[in-house]
Structure formats: C-alpha cells, structure tokens
Amino acid sequence: MYRLDNRIAFQDKPLDLLTVGELLIDLISADYEDNFESSLYQKCFGGSPSNIAMNVKKLGIQSMVASAVGEDGLGTFLIQHLQEAGIDTSCVQQVDHATSMVLVTKSQDSPVPIFYRGADYYLAFTPSLSAAIANAKIVHFSCWPISMQPARHTIEQMLEAARQQQALVCFDPNYHPMIWQRGENGIEYVKSMIGKADIVKPSEDDAERLFGPDTPENQVRKFLALGAKLVIMTLGREGALVSNGQETERFETLATEVVDTTGAGDAFWSGFYTGITTGQTIREALQLGFAVSAYKLKYTGAVVDLPHYQTIQHLYHINP
C-alpha cells in the first residue's frame, strides 16, 4: 500500500521517468475566449506525457519520451525542443504521417481543445523502447496512445514489460471522446486499464467523463474499486483528494495567480514524480506537485521555464 507518509522504494536505475504517449503541437490562442474567434495562435511544444518529461528534466531528474511524430517540420521542431532540453530522443519515432496537433483556447478555467491526430498513434514497440522500460523507475502513460491502434497494442506490450522490470506504472486517465475511434466504447477500455496502474491522477473532468457526475469522494472510490492503488484526483481551485483505500485526505492548492491553466495537471504530475524519485514521502511529493503547478499557472503555455525543484520548495515554503 502507498501510505501518504511513506517513501516509495525504487530499484537503482539510471532513468527516473519514461513517459509514453503523445508528442504534438499545441496551438494556443492569444486571447481568452471559448469560441475559437481568435485570429492569432502561438505554436507551442505539447502533449501531456512529453510536457511532463520536459518539466521534470528542468526540475532536476532524468526523463525520456517515447512517442511518434511526423517526418515533417513540426516533428523536427518537437524533437529539437527535447534535444535542447537534454532529453534522449532515441525513442521518438518519425513516421510517414502528419505530426498531431491540438488547437486550444487560452483559459483561466478548463481549456477547450480541438484535436487533429496523425502520427501520434503509430507508436511501435521497438527494441529502444524495451530498453528504456528496463532502465526506468517510473513508466507513465495517458489515454491518447490507448485510444487507437496500433499504439494501443504498444501500450499493452509496454505494461507487460514494465511489470517484469518492476517499474512503477502511472496512468493519466484523461479520457476525451474526441480522441477515440468512432463507434468504440472507449470508456470501458479506459476503465479496464485503471487496475493495471499503481497510481492514477484523474481530474474532476476526467472522472465525470468516465463515470458521470458525482462527488469527488465517490469518484475516487470508483477508481479504487477498479484496482488503482493510489488515486490523486485534482480539483482545480479546490486542490486535490487523495486516497489509497484506507487513508483519504484533501490537499489545498498553492496557486495564487492564474494566467493560463494549460498544462497545470502536467506540472502537478511533474512535481509529484520529482518528489517521489528524490526520496520524499508521498505527502511531501504531493506538496511539491502543487507548488510546481502553482508556478506554472502564472505563465502561458503547457511548458514553462521551471527552476530546480529545490528552488520551488523554497519559493513555496515546502520543507521535505
């Protein structure tokens, strides 16, 4: 059981975090609006797992991305961003499909997306990916790669390999019907994946899309009932509700200024992963997650120029 005041014991491996899933372009509106009336959009590095990998590298731990991009200028742009951050790109595959992108309105609440998918779901299980899993303490994945074949089969192979290598498996159940194949019950498949993960971090919106409206307490119980060992449900301005089935606690947000919510959940994951891989308790890592998220919320874009995690701990008066 993942008790809140305990540390997670990891094997001695060179890679702290392997994120597997989408690497794509975020086109973010210059204006705050919900109807896509803005005539100006900024091209940004994007894709939730890739954002997390970029963030944790800046925070001070080792990360790697496994994803697929197009053999085009946008794919090159994304790969170069990773390389400039000092991240190994040997598991970023270039395929004969257009690089995926998401059109997003800048928002102080929940951003509204439109998805344009191409290369991202052609991720293959390669020897390089198998080697990366063997070297990783944590393997993280999201709903994007499981929503379409052949990437879904790749994730299934990845999960089997991660179990064999005793990696901590973490799942972002960010289900959205627009990324799923028409006519398929994606909700049931996502539910079937929850029990294959050690830690899941749904947002309140994720939970409602999967289970329908309910209280946060009831939603968390549903994730636990499906086999999750630790559930971290982020609640926006209300912080988070965290449970391992025996301990259930609410945590307050540390955010005081909100410029753009894009990537706030990724920032939380990033702080949390940095905390648990640097020897902090789960409770302390959760606080670091809130601090990194609060820092990110002051800036536009999913990936911002984060300082080292110890600097963030000092800024937000966190003492691990």
Protein backbone atom coordinates (compact mmCIF):
# COMPACT_ATOMS: atom_id res chain seq x y z
CA MET A 1 0.00 0.00 0.00
CA TYR A 2 1.17 3.52 -0.83
CA ARG A 3 0.82 5.24 2.55
CA LEU A 4 0.99 9.01 2.43
CA ASP A 5 3.79 9.33 4.96
CA ASN A 6 5.93 6.61 3.39
CA ARG A 7 8.53 6.79 0.64
CA ILE A 8 8.36 4.64 -2.48
CA ALA A 9 11.33 2.27 -2.79
CA PHE A 10 12.76 2.20 -6.31
CA GLN A 11 15.36 -0.06 -7.85
CA ASP A 12 18.65 1.65 -8.71
CA LYS A 13 18.05 2.58 -12.35
CA PRO A 14 19.54 5.39 -14.46
CA LEU A 15 16.23 6.76 -15.78
CA ASP A 16 13.81 8.31 -13.29
CA LEU A 17 10.85 8.68 -15.64
CA LEU A 18 9.81 7.31 -19.03
CA THR A 19 6.71 8.95 -20.47
CA VAL A 20 4.93 7.11 -23.27
CA GLY A 21 2.32 8.79 -25.43
CA GLU A 22 1.63 11.92 -27.40
CA LEU A 23 4.22 14.44 -28.54
CA LEU A 24 2.41 17.12 -30.51
CA ILE A 25 1.93 20.79 -31.32
CA ASP A 26 -0.26 22.96 -29.09
CA LEU A 27 -1.67 25.94 -30.97
CA ILE A 28 -2.80 28.27 -28.16
CA SER A 29 -4.97 31.33 -28.80
CA ALA A 30 -3.59 34.76 -27.99
CA ASP A 31 -6.93 35.81 -26.49
CA TYR A 32 -9.11 34.45 -23.70
CA GLU A 33 -12.23 33.14 -25.44
CA ASP A 34 -14.18 29.91 -25.86
CA ASN A 35 -15.46 30.11 -29.45
CA PHE A 36 -12.17 29.98 -31.38
CA GLU A 37 -12.66 33.53 -32.67
CA SER A 38 -9.03 34.49 -32.10
CA SER A 39 -7.07 35.14 -35.29
CA LEU A 40 -3.70 34.62 -33.63
CA TYR A 41 -2.38 31.34 -32.22
CA GLN A 42 1.04 30.55 -30.78
CA LYS A 43 2.81 27.32 -31.76
CA CYS A 44 3.96 25.52 -28.61
CA PHE A 45 5.57 22.23 -27.66
CA GLY A 46 2.80 19.95 -26.40
CA GLY A 47 1.44 16.54 -25.49
CA SER A 48 0.82 15.72 -21.85
CA PRO A 49 3.44 12.95 -21.35
CA SER A 50 6.04 14.98 -23.23
CA ASN A 51 5.25 18.10 -21.19
CA ILE A 52 5.88 16.07 -18.04
CA ALA A 53 9.21 14.79 -19.36
CA MET A 54 10.31 18.34 -20.19
CA ASN A 55 9.19 19.63 -16.80
CA VAL A 56 10.93 17.00 -14.67
CA LYS A 57 14.18 17.48 -16.58
CA LYS A 58 14.10 21.16 -15.64
CA LEU A 59 13.21 20.26 -12.06
CA GLY A 60 16.30 18.09 -11.80
CA ILE A 61 15.57 14.42 -12.55
CA GLN A 62 16.23 12.26 -15.64
CA SER A 63 13.45 11.70 -18.17
CA MET A 64 12.84 10.25 -21.60
CA VAL A 65 9.95 10.37 -24.10
CA ALA A 66 8.61 7.53 -26.24
CA SER A 67 6.34 8.89 -28.95
CA ALA A 68 5.74 9.19 -32.69
CA VAL A 69 5.87 12.37 -34.78
CA GLY A 70 5.72 13.07 -38.49
CA GLU A 71 8.60 13.28 -40.93
CA ASP A 72 7.85 16.98 -41.26
CA GLY A 73 8.92 20.37 -39.95
CA LEU A 74 6.65 20.18 -36.93
CA GLY A 75 8.07 16.81 -35.96
CA THR A 76 11.59 18.21 -36.27
CA PHE A 77 10.57 21.21 -34.15
CA LEU A 78 9.38 18.91 -31.35
CA ILE A 79 12.45 16.67 -31.45
CA GLN A 80 14.75 19.68 -31.35
CA HIS A 81 12.93 21.01 -28.28
CA LEU A 82 13.58 17.74 -26.48
CA GLN A 83 17.21 17.66 -27.53
CA GLU A 84 17.76 21.27 -26.44
CA ALA A 85 16.41 20.28 -23.02
CA GLY A 86 18.98 17.46 -22.83
CA ILE A 87 16.42 14.66 -23.26
CA ASP A 88 17.35 11.48 -25.13
CA THR A 89 15.17 11.24 -28.28
CA SER A 90 16.11 7.71 -29.31
CA CYS A 91 12.54 6.56 -28.54
CA VAL A 92 10.89 9.33 -30.57
CA GLN A 93 9.89 7.66 -33.81
CA GLN A 94 9.38 9.60 -37.06
CA VAL A 95 6.62 8.07 -39.21
CA ASP A 96 5.01 8.78 -42.57
CA HIS A 97 2.03 10.65 -41.12
CA ALA A 98 1.50 14.30 -40.24
CA THR A 99 2.54 15.44 -36.76
CA SER A 100 -0.50 15.62 -34.48
CA MET A 101 -1.71 18.92 -33.06
CA VAL A 102 -4.28 20.40 -30.70
CA LEU A 103 -5.96 23.79 -31.06
CA VAL A 104 -6.50 25.26 -27.59
CA THR A 105 -8.15 28.43 -26.30
CA LYS A 106 -6.17 30.17 -23.57
CA SER A 107 -8.22 29.82 -20.41
CA GLN A 108 -8.31 30.59 -16.71
CA ASP A 109 -10.62 27.59 -16.22
CA SER A 110 -10.50 24.37 -18.30
CA PRO A 111 -9.07 24.95 -21.79
CA VAL A 112 -11.24 23.94 -24.75
CA PRO A 113 -9.38 21.70 -27.26
CA ILE A 114 -9.86 20.64 -30.88
CA PHE A 115 -7.78 17.58 -31.86
CA TYR A 116 -6.00 16.90 -35.16
CA ARG A 117 -4.42 13.44 -34.96
CA GLY A 118 -1.89 11.85 -37.25
CA ALA A 119 1.50 10.43 -36.31
CA ASP A 120 0.96 10.04 -32.56
CA TYR A 121 -0.96 6.76 -32.67
CA TYR A 122 1.61 4.98 -34.85
CA LEU A 123 3.96 4.45 -31.90
CA ALA A 124 5.57 0.98 -32.18
CA PHE A 125 7.13 -1.30 -29.56
CA THR A 126 10.78 -1.21 -30.59
CA PRO A 127 13.98 -2.57 -29.02
CA SER A 128 14.80 1.00 -27.98
CA LEU A 129 11.50 1.30 -26.12
CA SER A 130 12.01 -2.08 -24.47
CA ALA A 131 15.47 -0.99 -23.28
CA ALA A 132 14.11 2.31 -21.96
CA ILE A 133 11.46 0.49 -19.91
CA ALA A 134 14.14 -1.75 -18.39
CA ASN A 135 16.09 1.35 -17.31
CA ALA A 136 13.13 3.33 -15.90
CA LYS A 137 11.96 3.71 -12.31
CA ILE A 138 8.57 5.08 -13.42
CA VAL A 139 6.62 4.45 -16.62
CA HIS A 140 3.84 6.97 -17.29
CA PHE A 141 1.16 6.83 -19.99
CA SER A 142 -2.07 8.61 -20.88
CA CYS A 143 -5.30 7.89 -22.75
CA TRP A 144 -4.02 9.14 -26.10
CA PRO A 145 -1.96 6.10 -27.12
CA ILE A 146 -4.59 3.59 -25.94
CA SER A 147 -7.37 5.28 -27.90
CA MET A 148 -6.29 3.95 -31.31
CA GLN A 149 -4.36 1.09 -32.87
CA PRO A 150 -1.51 0.33 -33.35
CA ALA A 151 -0.37 2.42 -30.36
CA ARG A 152 -2.85 0.64 -28.08
CA HIS A 153 -1.10 -2.67 -28.66
CA THR A 154 2.23 -0.95 -27.99
CA ILE A 155 0.98 0.24 -24.60
CA GLU A 156 -0.25 -3.25 -23.73
CA GLN A 157 3.23 -4.61 -24.51
CA MET A 158 4.78 -1.77 -22.54
CA LEU A 159 2.70 -2.52 -19.44
CA GLU A 160 3.71 -6.17 -19.52
CA ALA A 161 7.38 -5.21 -19.83
CA ALA A 162 7.09 -2.58 -17.06
CA ARG A 163 5.68 -5.18 -14.67
CA GLN A 164 8.51 -7.58 -15.47
CA GLN A 165 11.05 -4.81 -14.83
CA GLN A 166 9.33 -3.77 -11.56
CA ALA A 167 8.75 -0.20 -12.68
CA LEU A 168 6.12 1.96 -11.02
CA VAL A 169 3.25 2.30 -13.53
CA CYS A 170 1.29 5.56 -13.53
CA PHE A 171 -1.76 6.33 -15.68
CA ASP A 172 -3.34 9.66 -16.57
CA PRO A 173 -6.96 8.64 -17.35
CA ASN A 174 -7.57 11.80 -19.41
CA TYR A 175 -10.40 10.28 -21.43
CA HIS A 176 -11.96 12.52 -24.06
CA PRO A 177 -14.46 11.15 -26.63
CA MET A 178 -12.95 13.27 -29.41
CA ILE A 179 -9.70 11.26 -29.43
CA TRP A 180 -11.44 7.90 -29.62
CA GLN A 181 -12.36 5.93 -32.73
CA ARG A 182 -15.98 6.44 -33.71
CA GLY A 183 -18.31 3.68 -32.59
CA GLU A 184 -15.94 2.31 -29.95
CA ASN A 185 -16.69 2.31 -26.22
CA GLY A 186 -13.52 3.97 -25.07
CA ILE A 187 -14.84 4.46 -21.55
CA GLU A 188 -14.93 0.73 -20.84
CA TYR A 189 -11.43 0.24 -22.21
CA VAL A 190 -10.05 3.06 -20.07
CA LYS A 191 -11.71 1.54 -17.01
CA SER A 192 -10.05 -1.78 -17.82
CA MET A 193 -6.64 -0.06 -17.73
CA ILE A 194 -7.03 1.54 -14.30
CA GLY A 195 -6.29 -1.68 -12.42
CA LYS A 196 -3.08 -2.15 -14.42
CA ALA A 197 -1.61 1.03 -12.93
CA ASP A 198 -0.18 1.68 -9.49
CA ILE A 199 -1.07 5.38 -9.40
CA VAL A 200 -3.79 7.24 -11.32
CA LYS A 201 -4.34 11.01 -11.37
CA PRO A 202 -7.72 11.92 -12.82
CA SER A 203 -9.00 15.46 -12.91
CA GLU A 204 -12.58 16.13 -11.87
CA ASP A 205 -13.48 16.48 -15.57
CA ASP A 206 -11.81 13.14 -16.39
CA ALA A 207 -13.82 11.39 -13.69
CA GLU A 208 -17.10 12.89 -14.88
CA ARG A 209 -16.44 11.81 -18.47
CA LEU A 210 -15.74 8.26 -17.27
CA PHE A 211 -18.38 7.84 -14.56
CA GLY A 212 -20.86 10.70 -14.88
CA PRO A 213 -21.46 13.46 -12.30
CA ASP A 214 -20.81 12.59 -8.65
CA THR A 215 -18.99 13.86 -5.58
CA PRO A 216 -15.17 13.72 -5.60
CA GLU A 217 -15.28 11.23 -2.73
CA ASN A 218 -17.49 8.84 -4.68
CA GLN A 219 -15.44 9.27 -7.85
CA VAL A 220 -12.24 8.35 -6.02
CA ARG A 221 -13.92 5.23 -4.64
CA LYS A 222 -14.79 4.17 -8.19
CA PHE A 223 -11.15 4.35 -9.29
CA LEU A 224 -10.09 2.35 -6.23
CA ALA A 225 -12.79 -0.24 -6.93
CA LEU A 226 -11.32 -0.73 -10.41
CA GLY A 227 -7.95 -1.61 -8.90
CA ALA A 228 -5.96 1.63 -8.59
CA LYS A 229 -3.57 1.51 -5.61
CA LEU A 230 -3.31 5.29 -5.15
CA VAL A 231 -5.75 7.84 -6.58
CA ILE A 232 -4.91 11.54 -6.82
CA MET A 233 -7.97 13.45 -8.04
CA THR A 234 -7.11 17.05 -8.84
CA LEU A 235 -9.95 19.51 -8.24
CA GLY A 236 -8.68 22.74 -9.80
CA ARG A 237 -9.01 25.64 -7.35
CA GLU A 238 -10.17 23.16 -4.69
CA GLY A 239 -6.84 21.31 -4.59
CA ALA A 240 -6.99 17.51 -4.66
CA LEU A 241 -8.49 14.49 -2.99
CA VAL A 242 -6.02 11.64 -2.42
CA SER A 243 -6.75 8.08 -1.31
CA ASN A 244 -5.05 4.70 -1.07
CA GLY A 245 -8.25 2.98 0.05
CA GLN A 246 -7.51 3.35 3.77
CA GLU A 247 -6.27 6.93 4.02
CA THR A 248 -8.27 9.67 2.29
CA GLU A 249 -7.17 13.30 2.57
CA ARG A 250 -7.85 16.65 0.92
CA PHE A 251 -4.94 18.85 -0.08
CA GLU A 252 -5.17 22.59 -0.70
CA THR A 253 -3.87 24.27 -3.83
CA LEU A 254 -0.89 26.63 -3.54
CA ALA A 255 -1.90 28.70 -6.59
CA THR A 256 -2.45 32.43 -6.04
CA GLU A 257 -2.26 33.68 -9.64
CA VAL A 258 -3.80 32.06 -12.72
CA VAL A 259 -2.77 33.25 -16.18
CA ASP A 260 -3.29 30.03 -18.17
CA THR A 261 -4.40 26.58 -16.98
CA THR A 262 -2.95 24.73 -20.00
CA GLY A 263 -0.59 22.07 -18.64
CA ALA A 264 -1.39 22.62 -14.97
CA GLY A 265 -2.12 18.92 -14.46
CA ASP A 266 1.13 18.01 -16.21
CA ALA A 267 3.01 20.37 -13.90
CA PHE A 268 1.43 18.66 -10.89
CA TRP A 269 2.50 15.21 -12.16
CA SER A 270 5.99 16.61 -12.74
CA GLY A 271 6.43 17.87 -9.20
CA PHE A 272 4.98 14.67 -7.77
CA TYR A 273 7.33 12.45 -9.81
CA THR A 274 10.30 14.60 -8.89
CA GLY A 275 9.38 14.30 -5.24
CA ILE A 276 8.99 10.53 -5.08
CA THR A 277 12.17 9.85 -7.08
CA THR A 278 14.27 12.16 -4.87
CA GLY A 279 13.34 10.33 -1.66
CA GLN A 280 10.39 12.38 -0.46
CA THR A 281 7.31 10.85 1.11
CA ILE A 282 4.14 10.71 -0.95
CA ARG A 283 2.70 13.56 1.14
CA GLU A 284 5.78 15.72 0.52
CA ALA A 285 5.75 14.85 -3.18
CA LEU A 286 2.10 15.92 -3.40
CA GLN A 287 3.03 19.30 -1.92
CA LEU A 288 5.81 19.66 -4.48
CA GLY A 289 3.28 18.81 -7.19
CA PHE A 290 1.02 21.65 -6.04
CA ALA A 291 3.97 24.04 -5.89
CA VAL A 292 5.13 23.24 -9.44
CA SER A 293 1.55 23.57 -10.70
CA ALA A 294 1.17 26.94 -8.93
CA TYR A 295 4.40 28.17 -10.51
CA LYS A 296 3.30 27.07 -14.00
CA LEU A 297 -0.15 28.71 -13.68
CA LYS A 298 1.49 32.15 -13.69
CA TYR A 299 2.61 31.67 -17.31
CA THR A 300 1.11 30.91 -20.73
CA GLY A 301 1.72 27.51 -22.30
CA ALA A 302 1.98 23.94 -21.08
CA VAL A 303 5.78 24.01 -20.67
CA VAL A 304 7.38 26.96 -18.92
CA ASP A 305 10.89 27.71 -17.71
CA LEU A 306 10.78 25.89 -14.38
CA PRO A 307 13.62 26.28 -11.88
CA HIS A 308 15.21 23.38 -9.98
CA TYR A 309 12.78 21.67 -7.60
CA GLN A 310 14.69 22.88 -4.53
CA THR A 311 14.16 26.47 -5.65
CA ILE A 312 10.42 25.83 -5.94
CA GLN A 313 10.39 24.26 -2.49
CA HIS A 314 11.99 27.43 -1.14
CA LEU A 315 9.59 29.73 -3.02
CA TYR A 316 6.54 27.92 -1.65
CA HIS A 317 7.99 27.25 1.81
CA ILE A 318 7.97 23.47 1.44
CA ASN A 319 10.36 21.60 3.72
CA PRO A 320 10.72 17.92 2.76
